[in-house]
Amino acid sequence: MDIAIGIDSVKVTFELQRREAAKRNVAKNVAKNLTERQQLIIGIISENPHSTRAEIASSIGVSPKTIERDLAALSDIVHYVGSKKGGHWEIVYEK
């Protein structure tokens, strides 16, 4: 932070983080509070972004409804992009 004081004014300059760096920091803090199952979901999605909710549920051994609830909780980290049949998952931050 630079401060320059003139006769009739004060100038303050702040250094701001880049937008992507700020997103990563938020995602890091959010990732610390994930359940083991949510971490598994992120791992599966990072290996295959075209995984369906049913495939994720089957590989973890829970119901698709449970996966939907976890994905809703992960909405700040995991986003589905595109159409239902041709879309894919995107992760804002990967460990």
Protein backbone atom coordinates (compact mmCIF):
# COMPACT_ATOMS: atom_id res chain seq x y z
CA MET A 1 0.00 0.00 0.00
CA ASP A 2 1.40 3.37 -1.03
CA ILE A 3 0.33 6.54 0.69
CA ALA A 4 1.11 9.94 -0.75
CA ILE A 5 0.03 13.04 1.12
CA GLY A 6 -0.15 16.33 -0.72
CA ILE A 7 -1.04 19.76 0.55
CA ASP A 8 -4.79 19.33 0.03
CA SER A 9 -5.19 15.63 -0.71
CA VAL A 10 -4.46 12.06 0.29
CA LYS A 11 -3.87 9.32 -2.26
CA VAL A 12 -4.16 5.66 -1.23
CA THR A 13 -3.34 2.80 -3.61
CA PHE A 14 -4.33 -0.80 -2.85
CA GLU A 15 -2.99 -3.87 -4.59
CA LEU A 16 -5.86 -6.18 -5.50
CA GLN A 17 -5.59 -9.91 -6.12
CA ARG A 18 -6.34 -11.08 -9.61
CA ARG A 19 -9.81 -12.51 -10.03
CA GLU A 20 -8.60 -16.09 -10.63
CA ALA A 21 -6.33 -15.99 -7.59
CA ALA A 22 -9.22 -14.79 -5.47
CA LYS A 23 -11.42 -17.64 -6.75
CA ARG A 24 -8.73 -20.19 -5.89
CA ASN A 25 -8.39 -18.80 -2.37
CA VAL A 26 -12.14 -19.01 -1.81
CA ALA A 27 -12.25 -22.53 -3.24
CA LYS A 28 -9.35 -23.59 -1.03
CA ASN A 29 -11.17 -22.40 2.07
CA VAL A 30 -14.38 -24.07 0.98
CA ALA A 31 -12.53 -27.31 0.14
CA LYS A 32 -11.29 -27.58 3.72
CA ASN A 33 -14.90 -28.12 4.87
CA LEU A 34 -15.86 -30.85 2.39
CA THR A 35 -17.09 -34.24 3.48
CA GLU A 36 -15.26 -37.35 2.36
CA ARG A 37 -18.07 -38.14 -0.09
CA GLN A 38 -17.93 -34.64 -1.57
CA GLN A 39 -14.19 -35.04 -2.04
CA LEU A 40 -14.84 -38.36 -3.83
CA ILE A 41 -17.37 -36.64 -6.11
CA ILE A 42 -14.83 -33.96 -7.04
CA GLY A 43 -12.24 -36.67 -7.70
CA ILE A 44 -14.58 -38.59 -10.00
CA ILE A 45 -15.56 -35.43 -11.88
CA SER A 46 -11.93 -34.36 -12.30
CA GLU A 47 -11.12 -37.78 -13.82
CA ASN A 48 -14.15 -37.76 -16.13
CA PRO A 49 -15.98 -34.42 -16.55
CA HIS A 50 -18.67 -36.17 -18.61
CA SER A 51 -19.75 -38.43 -15.70
CA THR A 52 -23.47 -38.53 -15.03
CA ARG A 53 -25.04 -38.21 -11.59
CA ALA A 54 -26.08 -41.87 -11.83
CA GLU A 55 -22.52 -42.97 -12.68
CA ILE A 56 -21.12 -40.94 -9.77
CA ALA A 57 -23.73 -42.43 -7.42
CA SER A 58 -22.99 -45.97 -8.61
CA SER A 59 -19.24 -45.61 -8.18
CA ILE A 60 -19.61 -44.26 -4.63
CA GLY A 61 -22.45 -46.59 -3.64
CA VAL A 62 -25.15 -44.04 -2.82
CA SER A 63 -28.39 -42.95 -4.46
CA PRO A 64 -28.51 -40.38 -7.26
CA LYS A 65 -30.60 -38.15 -4.94
CA THR A 66 -27.71 -38.11 -2.45
CA ILE A 67 -25.38 -37.04 -5.25
CA GLU A 68 -27.81 -34.26 -6.22
CA ARG A 69 -27.79 -32.96 -2.63
CA ASP A 70 -23.99 -33.08 -2.49
CA LEU A 71 -23.68 -31.34 -5.86
CA ALA A 72 -26.03 -28.61 -4.63
CA ALA A 73 -23.74 -28.14 -1.62
CA LEU A 74 -20.75 -28.03 -4.01
CA SER A 75 -22.34 -25.40 -6.29
CA ASP A 76 -19.54 -22.90 -5.52
CA ILE A 77 -16.92 -25.42 -6.68
CA VAL A 78 -18.59 -27.65 -9.31
CA HIS A 79 -20.70 -26.39 -12.24
CA TYR A 80 -22.46 -28.28 -15.01
CA VAL A 81 -21.96 -26.59 -18.38
CA GLY A 82 -23.94 -27.34 -21.54
CA SER A 83 -26.96 -29.44 -22.36
CA LYS A 84 -28.18 -32.42 -20.34
CA LYS A 85 -26.87 -34.93 -22.86
CA GLY A 86 -23.81 -33.15 -24.23
CA GLY A 87 -22.61 -31.11 -21.28
CA HIS A 88 -19.81 -31.60 -18.79
CA TRP A 89 -18.74 -30.70 -15.28
CA GLU A 90 -16.28 -27.90 -14.55
CA ILE A 91 -14.40 -27.55 -11.30
CA VAL A 92 -13.55 -24.01 -10.22
CA TYR A 93 -10.54 -25.22 -8.23
CA GLU A 94 -8.81 -28.59 -8.08
CA LYS A 95 -6.47 -29.55 -5.26
